[in-house]
Amino acid sequence: MEIELFDTTLRDGTQSEGLSLSVEDKLRISRLLDSFGVHFIEGGWPASNPKDSEFFRHARKLHLKKAKMTAFGSTRKAGGRAEDDLNLRGLLEAETPAVAIFGKSWILHVTKVLGTTPEENLNMIKDSVSFLKKHGKEVVYDAEHFFDGFRADRAYALKAVRAAAEAGADWVALCDTNGGSLPSWVTEVVNAVKAEIPGTRLGIHTHNDGELAVANALAAVEAGCTQVQGTINGYGERCGNANLVSVIPALQLKMGHHCVSEENLSRLTELSRAVSEIANMRPDPHAPYVGVSAFAHKGGVHVAAVEKVAQSYEHISPERVGNLRKVVVSELSGRVNVRVRAQEIGLDVTGVVEASVLARIKDLENRGYQFEAAEGTFELLVRRNQQGYAAPFELLDVVVIGERRRGHGEMFSEATVKLRVGAQVVHEVAEGQGPVHALDRALRKALEPHYPTLRDVRLADYKVRILDPESATGAKTRVLLEGALGEERWNTIGVSSNIIEASCEALVDSLELHLLRAREDKGAAVAAAEAVS
């Protein structure tokens, strides 16, 4: 059975305490989700805040290959008209092919929270769905608090979903909003809804307050739901949402359903870790399927058995989800990962390069680097190991100072760089709003006369993560930097106990990668022109 994936990381996931995504973050994650094969991407609530409205304006230019960008909102207000409702108008202005709206199924919420009548709530559902369908939208109706509402008043809860179905909803998603249901209850309720609205496709949206979100989602699919809503890594309010990273392999490898291609499934670990890096959230090393310890073996008996027959202590092959088997005292080979990733970015590698890059990656990761969200640094490692590599510049000296001078209330930052471009040594100094800004300006000041295309390169994002907080102010820092040229994006990483050094490493790599790509593009253009002549 084909199960459609409805990802709400960008909306419900951002309600997780401590998680905040910029517009650029949300666009990056959208590209990742689309490439992975997700069917729906719920981008946010355009009528609720300026950031989501801005995101949807930029999202129109994404040119998604598979996923349907989806705007989220609520049914019309009580006592109003759908045509006049600002929330519904905001959904149309988002210009997405699909919309998701939530409505009330629980009498408690209808009377005590909304403060309206049961009949008016049904009208709100009907009017809102009909309005959106008239405007050509694919409508996903989220029946909020449905499992609690069904327990309180079965007849009314069924009336609520019937109202959405009769108004033309393409999907009715049953929501365990408080996250307190058990799988047996989910199965019973889904069966009842299926009998009530047999012609409507059903979805499931579960929360993890009882640590059963994944189990409840799987139970709902077994009962007949064909859409699963959730988030990458289970991000979400309170205890989180159903974790799609666990749901997808369970559906596909355990239950025989189809969600994504086998090739994309093998990128699941990469997707999980990339999203955690973008969200600046520490990955769970013991996460099922994708954690660095998910296929780690320590006990001597276990290791001996796995060496003979891997499946003796592994429920699936880790390669199926893009992970690696790990014996705690030594990692097994991963050269194929280097080759495949290099081919994905259009670079051919030899066995010697594979081994060299892999050895370097292992060394760097041991020092705190993570390459899942730093594909630009990975590309640099490959390019630097290829025959004929020549660095476009060499950084010789860096001096960064920060001081507060008398008569000035703010800290003053200045950076001096000395670098070699060809046979010439360049020495420049620049001020900035902070040490990294000053360093960026000094590097550009030195390089732009030699490489004018750098004037069009900008820094789209800058993230800092502390790797060992127990070391306090002496902690090791990981810097993730996103470079941009038009719609093109690349990410580089730096790690050091000195935040300036980590930032410098990521910044220099970002500029070098652009220059290497530009050199390659220029060479290809010249070759093409010579071929034509």
Protein backbone atom coordinates (compact mmCIF):
# COMPACT_ATOMS: atom_id res chain seq x y z
CA MET A 1 0.00 0.00 0.00
CA GLU A 2 1.24 3.49 -0.83
CA ILE A 3 1.52 5.59 2.34
CA GLU A 4 1.81 9.33 1.84
CA LEU A 5 4.13 11.24 4.16
CA PHE A 6 2.95 14.56 5.55
CA ASP A 7 5.90 16.35 7.13
CA THR A 8 5.16 19.09 9.64
CA THR A 9 8.70 19.74 10.90
CA LEU A 10 8.52 23.35 9.71
CA ARG A 11 5.24 23.99 11.54
CA ASP A 12 4.48 21.59 14.39
CA GLY A 13 8.16 20.75 14.83
CA THR A 14 9.06 24.39 15.51
CA GLN A 15 6.75 24.32 18.54
CA SER A 16 9.44 22.25 20.24
CA GLU A 17 10.98 24.15 23.14
CA GLY A 18 14.42 25.45 22.18
CA LEU A 19 13.95 24.99 18.42
CA SER A 20 13.74 27.96 16.09
CA LEU A 21 14.14 28.00 12.32
CA SER A 22 14.92 31.00 10.15
CA VAL A 23 13.37 31.40 6.71
CA GLU A 24 16.63 30.14 5.18
CA ASP A 25 16.55 27.13 7.52
CA LYS A 26 13.02 26.27 6.44
CA LEU A 27 13.91 26.57 2.76
CA ARG A 28 16.92 24.28 3.21
CA ILE A 29 14.87 21.67 5.04
CA SER A 30 12.18 21.90 2.35
CA ARG A 31 14.75 21.05 -0.33
CA LEU A 32 15.96 18.09 1.73
CA LEU A 33 12.43 16.78 2.30
CA ASP A 34 11.50 17.11 -1.35
CA SER A 35 14.67 15.35 -2.46
CA PHE A 36 13.96 12.56 0.03
CA GLY A 37 10.49 11.95 -1.39
CA VAL A 38 8.08 13.41 1.17
CA HIS A 39 4.59 13.96 -0.29
CA PHE A 40 3.47 17.03 1.72
CA ILE A 41 5.57 19.73 3.41
CA GLU A 42 3.59 21.78 5.90
CA GLY A 43 5.46 25.06 5.79
CA GLY A 44 3.74 27.01 8.54
CA TRP A 45 0.75 29.18 9.38
CA PRO A 46 0.91 32.20 7.04
CA ALA A 47 -1.69 34.23 8.93
CA SER A 48 0.01 33.81 12.31
CA ASN A 49 3.38 35.56 11.89
CA PRO A 50 5.49 37.52 9.37
CA LYS A 51 8.22 34.84 9.19
CA ASP A 52 5.84 32.20 7.83
CA SER A 53 4.37 34.66 5.36
CA GLU A 54 7.88 35.45 4.12
CA PHE A 55 8.71 31.75 3.91
CA PHE A 56 5.76 31.06 1.61
CA ARG A 57 6.78 33.95 -0.65
CA HIS A 58 10.24 32.40 -1.05
CA ALA A 59 8.86 28.84 -1.23
CA ARG A 60 7.14 29.63 -4.55
CA LYS A 61 10.61 29.65 -6.15
CA LEU A 62 11.68 26.25 -4.81
CA HIS A 63 10.42 24.27 -7.83
CA LEU A 64 9.70 21.18 -5.75
CA LYS A 65 9.92 17.94 -7.71
CA LYS A 66 7.57 15.77 -5.66
CA ALA A 67 6.36 17.39 -2.46
CA LYS A 68 3.29 19.59 -2.26
CA MET A 69 3.96 22.70 -0.22
CA THR A 70 1.13 23.02 2.28
CA ALA A 71 -0.09 26.04 4.23
CA PHE A 72 -1.68 25.51 7.64
CA GLY A 73 -4.55 27.31 9.32
CA SER A 74 -7.83 26.92 11.15
CA THR A 75 -11.50 26.85 10.26
CA ARG A 76 -13.28 30.19 10.04
CA LYS A 77 -14.15 32.06 13.20
CA ALA A 78 -17.48 31.44 14.88
CA GLY A 79 -20.24 33.72 13.63
CA GLY A 80 -18.29 34.85 10.57
CA ARG A 81 -18.19 33.98 6.88
CA ALA A 82 -15.46 31.98 5.19
CA GLU A 83 -15.18 34.63 2.45
CA ASP A 84 -14.34 37.30 5.04
CA ASP A 85 -12.06 35.23 7.24
CA LEU A 86 -8.50 36.61 7.34
CA ASN A 87 -7.04 33.23 8.24
CA LEU A 88 -8.59 31.51 5.21
CA ARG A 89 -7.60 34.43 3.00
CA GLY A 90 -4.03 34.02 4.24
CA LEU A 91 -4.09 30.38 3.15
CA LEU A 92 -5.05 31.41 -0.37
CA GLU A 93 -2.40 34.13 -0.47
CA ALA A 94 0.26 31.53 0.37
CA GLU A 95 -0.40 30.10 -3.12
CA THR A 96 0.27 26.49 -2.13
CA PRO A 97 -1.34 23.56 -3.97
CA ALA A 98 -2.50 22.04 -0.68
CA VAL A 99 -3.78 23.44 2.59
CA ALA A 100 -4.34 21.88 5.99
CA ILE A 101 -6.93 23.28 8.36
CA PHE A 102 -7.78 22.10 11.83
CA GLY A 103 -11.17 22.08 13.46
CA LYS A 104 -12.70 20.94 16.73
CA SER A 105 -14.00 17.43 17.36
CA TRP A 106 -14.26 17.53 21.15
CA ILE A 107 -17.32 19.09 22.74
CA LEU A 108 -15.11 20.38 25.56
CA HIS A 109 -13.17 22.51 23.07
CA VAL A 110 -16.25 23.57 21.15
CA THR A 111 -18.09 24.95 24.16
CA LYS A 112 -15.31 25.88 26.60
CA VAL A 113 -12.43 26.95 24.32
CA LEU A 114 -14.16 28.30 21.21
CA GLY A 115 -17.22 29.34 23.17
CA THR A 116 -19.65 28.42 20.44
CA THR A 117 -22.41 25.88 19.83
CA PRO A 118 -21.92 22.35 18.52
CA GLU A 119 -23.98 23.17 15.43
CA GLU A 120 -22.01 26.32 14.62
CA ASN A 121 -18.76 24.35 14.91
CA LEU A 122 -20.04 21.92 12.27
CA ASN A 123 -20.92 24.85 10.03
CA MET A 124 -17.44 26.30 10.53
CA ILE A 125 -15.93 23.04 9.31
CA LYS A 126 -18.23 22.77 6.30
CA ASP A 127 -17.88 26.40 5.24
CA SER A 128 -14.09 26.41 5.53
CA VAL A 129 -13.52 23.21 3.59
CA SER A 130 -16.02 24.22 0.88
CA PHE A 131 -14.41 27.65 0.54
CA LEU A 132 -10.94 26.19 0.02
CA LYS A 133 -12.17 23.53 -2.39
CA LYS A 134 -13.90 26.21 -4.48
CA HIS A 135 -10.50 27.81 -4.88
CA GLY A 136 -8.94 24.61 -6.19
CA LYS A 137 -6.99 23.53 -3.14
CA GLU A 138 -6.24 19.98 -2.03
CA VAL A 139 -7.62 20.07 1.51
CA VAL A 140 -6.32 18.10 4.46
CA TYR A 141 -8.74 18.46 7.36
CA ASP A 142 -7.07 17.90 10.73
CA ALA A 143 -9.64 16.67 13.24
CA GLU A 144 -8.00 18.11 16.34
CA HIS A 145 -8.30 16.21 19.66
CA PHE A 146 -10.27 13.57 17.80
CA PHE A 147 -9.45 10.58 20.00
CA ASP A 148 -10.36 12.47 23.18
CA GLY A 149 -13.46 13.86 21.51
CA PHE A 150 -14.51 10.41 20.35
CA ARG A 151 -14.21 9.10 23.91
CA ALA A 152 -16.29 12.00 25.28
CA ASP A 153 -19.05 12.02 22.63
CA ARG A 154 -18.67 9.46 19.87
CA ALA A 155 -21.69 10.67 17.88
CA TYR A 156 -20.55 14.30 17.77
CA ALA A 157 -16.96 13.48 16.87
CA LEU A 158 -18.21 11.45 13.91
CA LYS A 159 -20.50 14.32 12.87
CA ALA A 160 -17.46 16.61 12.79
CA VAL A 161 -15.44 14.42 10.40
CA ARG A 162 -18.55 13.72 8.31
CA ALA A 163 -19.02 17.50 7.91
CA ALA A 164 -15.49 17.80 6.52
CA ALA A 165 -15.91 14.82 4.21
CA GLU A 166 -19.25 15.99 2.83
CA ALA A 167 -17.77 19.44 2.19
CA GLY A 168 -15.16 17.82 -0.06
CA ALA A 169 -12.06 17.35 2.11
CA ASP A 170 -9.50 15.25 0.25
CA TRP A 171 -8.08 13.92 3.51
CA VAL A 172 -9.39 13.66 7.05
CA ALA A 173 -6.50 13.35 9.49
CA LEU A 174 -7.34 12.09 12.96
CA CYS A 175 -5.28 13.88 15.60
CA ASP A 176 -4.20 12.54 18.96
CA THR A 177 -3.38 16.11 19.97
CA ASN A 178 -2.78 15.45 23.67
CA GLY A 179 -0.74 12.32 22.91
CA GLY A 180 -2.45 10.13 25.51
CA SER A 181 -4.02 7.38 23.38
CA LEU A 182 -3.01 3.72 23.25
CA PRO A 183 -2.61 1.71 20.01
CA SER A 184 -5.68 -0.43 20.70
CA TRP A 185 -7.82 2.70 21.10
CA VAL A 186 -6.39 4.22 17.92
CA THR A 187 -7.29 1.05 16.00
CA GLU A 188 -10.85 1.06 17.35
CA VAL A 189 -11.41 4.72 16.51
CA VAL A 190 -9.94 4.55 13.00
CA ASN A 191 -12.18 1.57 12.21
CA ALA A 192 -15.24 3.54 13.35
CA VAL A 193 -14.29 6.56 11.22
CA LYS A 194 -13.58 4.38 8.22
CA ALA A 195 -17.12 2.98 8.47
CA GLU A 196 -18.58 6.49 8.90
CA ILE A 197 -16.88 8.12 5.87
CA PRO A 198 -15.83 5.18 3.67
CA GLY A 199 -15.06 7.27 0.59
CA THR A 200 -12.59 9.65 2.25
CA ARG A 201 -8.88 9.02 2.61
CA LEU A 202 -7.73 9.04 6.24
CA GLY A 203 -4.55 10.35 7.84
CA ILE A 204 -3.10 10.07 11.33
CA HIS A 205 -1.40 12.76 13.43
CA THR A 206 -0.03 11.58 16.77
CA HIS A 207 1.90 13.16 19.62
CA ASN A 208 4.38 11.46 21.89
CA ASP A 209 3.22 12.36 25.41
CA GLY A 210 2.80 8.66 26.23
CA GLU A 211 5.88 7.68 24.16
CA LEU A 212 3.53 5.94 21.74
CA ALA A 213 3.37 8.35 18.82
CA VAL A 214 5.16 5.99 16.43
CA ALA A 215 3.24 2.93 17.66
CA ASN A 216 -0.06 4.78 17.35
CA ALA A 217 0.78 5.94 13.82
CA LEU A 218 1.58 2.36 12.77
CA ALA A 219 -1.62 1.07 14.40
CA ALA A 220 -3.61 3.67 12.45
CA VAL A 221 -2.04 2.53 9.18
CA GLU A 222 -2.87 -1.08 9.99
CA ALA A 223 -6.47 0.05 10.51
CA GLY A 224 -6.63 1.84 7.15
CA CYS A 225 -4.99 5.30 7.28
CA THR A 226 -2.93 6.06 4.18
CA GLN A 227 -1.35 9.34 5.25
CA VAL A 228 1.01 9.71 8.22
CA GLN A 229 1.78 13.12 9.66
CA GLY A 230 4.93 13.64 11.70
CA THR A 231 8.24 15.42 11.98
CA ILE A 232 11.88 14.62 11.34
CA ASN A 233 13.50 13.41 14.57
CA GLY A 234 10.15 13.70 16.35
CA TYR A 235 10.47 17.43 17.04
CA GLY A 236 7.31 19.01 18.39
CA GLU A 237 5.49 20.58 21.29
CA ARG A 238 5.87 19.06 24.77
CA CYS A 239 7.19 15.50 24.16
CA GLY A 240 7.15 15.83 20.39
CA ASN A 241 5.35 14.40 17.36
CA ALA A 242 5.48 11.02 15.66
CA ASN A 243 9.05 10.63 14.46
CA LEU A 244 8.97 10.07 10.70
CA VAL A 245 12.55 8.83 10.86
CA SER A 246 11.25 5.82 12.79
CA VAL A 247 7.85 5.60 11.09
CA ILE A 248 9.19 5.38 7.52
CA PRO A 249 11.48 2.34 7.88
CA ALA A 250 8.89 0.60 10.07
CA LEU A 251 6.24 1.04 7.38
CA GLN A 252 8.54 0.10 4.54
CA LEU A 253 10.87 -2.55 5.97
CA LYS A 254 8.60 -4.11 8.60
CA MET A 255 5.09 -3.76 7.22
CA GLY A 256 5.70 -3.94 3.47
CA HIS A 257 4.16 -0.57 2.58
CA HIS A 258 5.77 1.93 0.20
CA CYS A 259 6.71 5.45 1.25
CA VAL A 260 9.91 6.40 -0.61
CA SER A 261 12.29 4.72 -3.03
CA GLU A 262 14.86 2.29 -1.66
CA GLU A 263 17.58 4.69 -2.78
CA ASN A 264 16.04 7.52 -0.77
CA LEU A 265 15.49 5.27 2.22
CA SER A 266 19.24 4.69 2.27
CA ARG A 267 19.63 8.46 2.84
CA LEU A 268 17.45 8.45 5.97
CA THR A 269 20.38 8.82 8.38
CA GLU A 270 21.80 11.68 6.34
CA LEU A 271 18.41 13.44 6.34
CA SER A 272 17.97 13.04 10.10
CA ARG A 273 21.39 14.42 10.92
CA ALA A 274 21.21 17.23 8.39
CA VAL A 275 17.92 18.48 9.85
CA SER A 276 19.32 18.30 13.39
CA GLU A 277 22.31 20.38 12.31
CA ILE A 278 20.14 22.97 10.58
CA ALA A 279 17.87 23.12 13.64
CA ASN A 280 20.97 23.38 15.86
CA MET A 281 19.71 20.46 17.96
CA ARG A 282 22.05 17.80 19.30
CA PRO A 283 21.29 14.45 17.58
CA ASP A 284 20.27 11.56 19.81
CA PRO A 285 23.12 9.03 19.50
CA HIS A 286 20.76 6.22 20.51
CA ALA A 287 17.95 7.12 18.10
CA PRO A 288 16.52 4.00 16.40
CA TYR A 289 17.72 3.41 12.83
CA VAL A 290 19.81 6.60 12.51
CA GLY A 291 21.68 7.17 15.77
CA VAL A 292 25.44 6.70 15.75
CA SER A 293 24.90 3.96 18.33
CA ALA A 294 21.90 2.34 16.62
CA PHE A 295 24.13 -0.41 15.21
CA ALA A 296 27.01 -0.20 17.68
CA HIS A 297 28.23 -3.42 19.26
CA LYS A 298 30.29 -3.48 22.43
CA GLY A 299 29.81 -6.80 24.22
CA GLY A 300 32.37 -9.40 23.23
CA VAL A 301 29.77 -12.10 22.58
CA HIS A 302 27.76 -9.73 20.40
CA VAL A 303 30.77 -8.63 18.37
CA ALA A 304 31.88 -12.20 17.77
CA ALA A 305 28.40 -13.14 16.57
CA VAL A 306 27.98 -10.10 14.32
CA GLU A 307 31.29 -10.78 12.62
CA LYS A 308 29.97 -14.20 11.65
CA VAL A 309 26.33 -13.37 10.92
CA ALA A 310 25.32 -9.68 11.08
CA GLN A 311 21.61 -10.38 11.46
CA SER A 312 22.27 -12.31 14.67
CA TYR A 313 22.22 -8.98 16.56
CA GLU A 314 20.76 -6.55 13.99
CA HIS A 315 17.07 -6.29 13.15
CA ILE A 316 17.87 -4.74 9.74
CA SER A 317 21.00 -4.09 7.74
CA PRO A 318 22.18 -0.57 8.71
CA GLU A 319 22.93 0.26 5.06
CA ARG A 320 19.19 0.07 4.31
CA VAL A 321 18.76 3.36 6.17
CA GLY A 322 22.18 4.83 5.39
CA ASN A 323 23.73 4.05 8.76
CA LEU A 324 26.88 2.11 9.62
CA ARG A 325 27.62 -0.85 11.79
CA LYS A 326 30.09 0.08 14.49
CA VAL A 327 32.23 -2.04 16.72
CA VAL A 328 33.07 0.26 19.59
CA VAL A 329 36.79 -0.43 19.45
CA SER A 330 37.00 0.12 15.63
CA GLU A 331 34.67 1.23 12.85
CA LEU A 332 34.16 -0.90 9.78
CA SER A 333 34.88 0.39 6.28
CA GLY A 334 32.73 3.14 4.73
CA ARG A 335 34.53 3.81 1.44
CA VAL A 336 31.37 3.22 -0.56
CA ASN A 337 29.78 6.21 1.19
CA VAL A 338 32.58 8.44 -0.05
CA ARG A 339 32.23 7.18 -3.60
CA VAL A 340 28.44 7.52 -3.70
CA ARG A 341 28.39 10.99 -2.15
CA ALA A 342 31.16 12.17 -4.48
CA GLN A 343 29.24 10.88 -7.50
CA GLU A 344 26.11 12.71 -6.28
CA ILE A 345 27.95 16.02 -6.54
CA GLY A 346 29.49 15.14 -9.92
CA LEU A 347 32.98 14.17 -8.81
CA ASP A 348 34.73 10.93 -9.73
CA VAL A 349 37.03 9.38 -7.17
CA THR A 350 39.59 6.62 -7.34
CA GLY A 351 40.17 3.98 -4.71
CA VAL A 352 43.16 5.93 -3.41
CA VAL A 353 41.08 9.11 -3.04
CA GLU A 354 38.27 7.17 -1.36
CA ALA A 355 40.67 5.80 1.25
CA SER A 356 42.35 9.16 1.82
CA VAL A 357 39.06 11.06 2.18
CA LEU A 358 37.59 8.40 4.44
CA ALA A 359 40.64 8.46 6.72
CA ARG A 360 40.42 12.25 6.91
CA ILE A 361 36.70 12.16 7.67
CA LYS A 362 37.20 9.64 10.48
CA ASP A 363 39.93 11.79 11.99
CA LEU A 364 37.87 14.98 11.75
CA GLU A 365 34.69 13.42 13.13
CA ASN A 366 36.69 12.18 16.09
CA ARG A 367 37.54 15.84 16.71
CA GLY A 368 33.90 16.98 16.56
CA TYR A 369 33.18 17.56 12.87
CA GLN A 370 29.87 16.43 11.36
CA PHE A 371 29.55 16.18 7.59
CA GLU A 372 25.82 15.42 7.23
CA ALA A 373 24.95 19.12 7.06
CA ALA A 374 28.32 20.30 5.74
CA GLU A 375 28.29 18.92 2.23
CA GLY A 376 30.48 21.81 1.09
CA THR A 377 33.32 20.74 3.37
CA PHE A 378 32.94 17.15 2.17
CA GLU A 379 33.18 18.35 -1.43
CA LEU A 380 36.34 20.27 -0.54
CA LEU A 381 37.92 17.16 0.98
CA VAL A 382 37.32 15.29 -2.27
CA ARG A 383 38.56 18.13 -4.48
CA ARG A 384 41.71 18.62 -2.39
CA ASN A 385 42.57 14.93 -2.79
CA GLN A 386 42.17 14.90 -6.57
CA GLN A 387 45.08 15.02 -8.96
CA GLY A 388 45.82 18.50 -10.21
CA TYR A 389 44.28 20.30 -7.25
CA ALA A 390 45.63 23.81 -6.81
CA ALA A 391 44.36 26.05 -4.03
CA PRO A 392 43.07 29.42 -5.32
CA PHE A 393 44.69 31.12 -2.30
CA GLU A 394 46.67 30.26 0.82
CA LEU A 395 45.93 31.88 4.17
CA LEU A 396 49.23 32.80 5.86
CA ASP A 397 48.41 34.90 8.93
CA VAL A 398 45.26 36.00 10.76
CA VAL A 399 45.01 38.56 13.55
CA VAL A 400 41.62 39.41 15.08
CA ILE A 401 41.30 41.94 17.89
CA GLY A 402 38.38 43.13 19.94
CA GLU A 403 38.54 46.01 22.38
CA ARG A 404 36.36 48.58 24.03
CA ARG A 405 37.90 52.01 23.63
CA ARG A 406 37.28 54.96 25.89
CA GLY A 407 34.34 57.01 24.79
CA HIS A 408 32.73 54.13 22.93
CA GLY A 409 30.03 51.95 24.43
CA GLU A 410 30.41 49.01 22.05
CA MET A 411 33.22 46.55 21.47
CA PHE A 412 35.44 47.36 18.51
CA SER A 413 36.47 44.49 16.16
CA GLU A 414 39.25 44.49 13.60
CA ALA A 415 40.77 41.69 11.50
CA THR A 416 44.05 41.55 9.62
CA VAL A 417 44.78 38.84 7.08
CA LYS A 418 47.85 37.96 5.06
CA LEU A 419 47.41 35.49 2.21
CA ARG A 420 49.09 34.34 -0.96
CA VAL A 421 47.34 34.47 -4.33
CA GLY A 422 49.59 32.91 -6.94
CA ALA A 423 53.00 34.52 -6.46
CA GLN A 424 51.60 37.62 -4.77
CA VAL A 425 51.28 38.13 -0.99
CA VAL A 426 48.31 40.29 -0.01
CA HIS A 427 47.96 42.04 3.36
CA GLU A 428 44.62 43.66 4.29
CA VAL A 429 42.77 44.91 7.36
CA ALA A 430 39.05 45.57 7.93
CA GLU A 431 36.67 46.50 10.72
CA GLY A 432 33.38 44.75 11.44
CA GLN A 433 30.38 44.58 13.72
CA GLY A 434 31.99 41.57 15.35
CA PRO A 435 35.15 39.49 14.96
CA VAL A 436 33.70 37.13 12.36
CA HIS A 437 32.22 40.00 10.35
CA ALA A 438 35.58 41.78 10.43
CA LEU A 439 37.35 38.60 9.30
CA ASP A 440 34.87 38.12 6.45
CA ARG A 441 35.39 41.69 5.26
CA ALA A 442 39.18 41.43 5.46
CA LEU A 443 39.25 38.20 3.44
CA ARG A 444 36.99 39.66 0.78
CA LYS A 445 39.03 42.85 0.64
CA ALA A 446 42.12 40.76 -0.06
CA LEU A 447 40.55 38.35 -2.54
CA GLU A 448 38.00 40.31 -4.56
CA PRO A 449 40.56 42.18 -6.72
CA HIS A 450 41.79 38.76 -7.89
CA TYR A 451 38.40 37.00 -7.90
CA PRO A 452 35.61 39.51 -8.70
CA THR A 453 32.87 36.84 -8.55
CA LEU A 454 33.23 36.82 -4.75
CA ARG A 455 31.35 40.13 -4.69
CA ASP A 456 28.16 38.18 -5.45
CA VAL A 457 28.75 35.55 -2.75
CA ARG A 458 26.99 36.17 0.56
CA LEU A 459 26.75 34.46 3.90
CA ALA A 460 23.18 33.21 4.30
CA ASP A 461 23.49 31.66 7.76
CA TYR A 462 25.89 31.17 10.66
CA LYS A 463 25.37 28.67 13.48
CA VAL A 464 27.42 27.85 16.55
CA ARG A 465 27.17 24.72 18.68
CA ILE A 466 29.05 23.97 21.89
CA LEU A 467 30.26 20.37 21.78
CA ASP A 468 31.40 19.90 25.39
CA PRO A 469 29.46 22.38 27.59
CA GLU A 470 31.00 20.88 30.71
CA SER A 471 34.23 22.64 29.69
CA ALA A 472 32.47 25.99 30.17
CA THR A 473 34.28 28.90 28.48
CA GLY A 474 37.00 26.53 27.26
CA ALA A 475 34.51 24.35 25.39
CA LYS A 476 35.06 23.12 21.86
CA THR A 477 32.91 24.96 19.31
CA ARG A 478 31.45 23.80 16.01
CA VAL A 479 30.60 26.49 13.46
CA LEU A 480 28.31 25.75 10.52
CA LEU A 481 28.28 28.40 7.81
CA GLU A 482 26.02 28.64 4.75
CA GLY A 483 27.30 30.39 1.65
CA ALA A 484 25.00 31.56 -1.13
CA LEU A 485 25.22 32.69 -4.74
CA GLY A 486 21.76 33.39 -6.12
CA GLU A 487 19.72 30.23 -5.46
CA GLU A 488 22.86 28.09 -5.00
CA ARG A 489 23.70 27.10 -1.40
CA TRP A 490 26.64 25.29 0.22
CA ASN A 491 27.62 24.62 3.83
CA THR A 492 31.03 24.44 5.44
CA ILE A 493 32.14 23.59 8.95
CA GLY A 494 34.89 24.50 11.39
CA VAL A 495 35.72 23.07 14.82
CA SER A 496 38.02 24.48 17.48
CA SER A 497 38.15 25.45 21.14
CA ASN A 498 38.66 28.97 19.74
CA ILE A 499 35.43 30.21 18.16
CA ILE A 500 37.33 32.65 15.93
CA GLU A 501 39.49 29.83 14.56
CA ALA A 502 36.43 27.63 13.93
CA SER A 503 34.69 30.52 12.18
CA CYS A 504 37.79 31.30 10.11
CA GLU A 505 38.07 27.69 8.96
CA ALA A 506 34.42 27.54 7.87
CA LEU A 507 34.66 30.94 6.19
CA VAL A 508 37.87 30.19 4.27
CA ASP A 509 36.45 26.85 3.10
CA SER A 510 33.25 28.54 1.95
CA LEU A 511 35.13 31.05 -0.19
CA GLU A 512 37.53 28.43 -1.58
CA LEU A 513 34.72 26.09 -2.60
CA HIS A 514 33.03 28.85 -4.58
CA LEU A 515 36.29 29.67 -6.35
CA LEU A 516 37.00 26.02 -7.21
CA ARG A 517 33.50 25.60 -8.64
CA ALA A 518 33.83 28.85 -10.60
CA ARG A 519 37.20 27.71 -11.99
CA GLU A 520 35.68 24.39 -13.05
CA ASP A 521 32.70 26.11 -14.69
CA LYS A 522 35.01 28.48 -16.56
CA GLY A 523 37.13 25.56 -17.76
CA ALA A 524 34.06 23.71 -18.97
CA ALA A 525 32.84 26.79 -20.83
CA VAL A 526 36.19 27.28 -22.54
CA ALA A 527 36.31 23.62 -23.54
CA ALA A 528 32.79 23.83 -24.94
CA ALA A 529 33.64 26.95 -26.93
CA GLU A 530 36.78 25.33 -28.36
CA ALA A 531 34.77 22.26 -29.33
CA VAL A 532 32.26 24.41 -31.20
CA SER A 533 34.99 26.37 -33.01
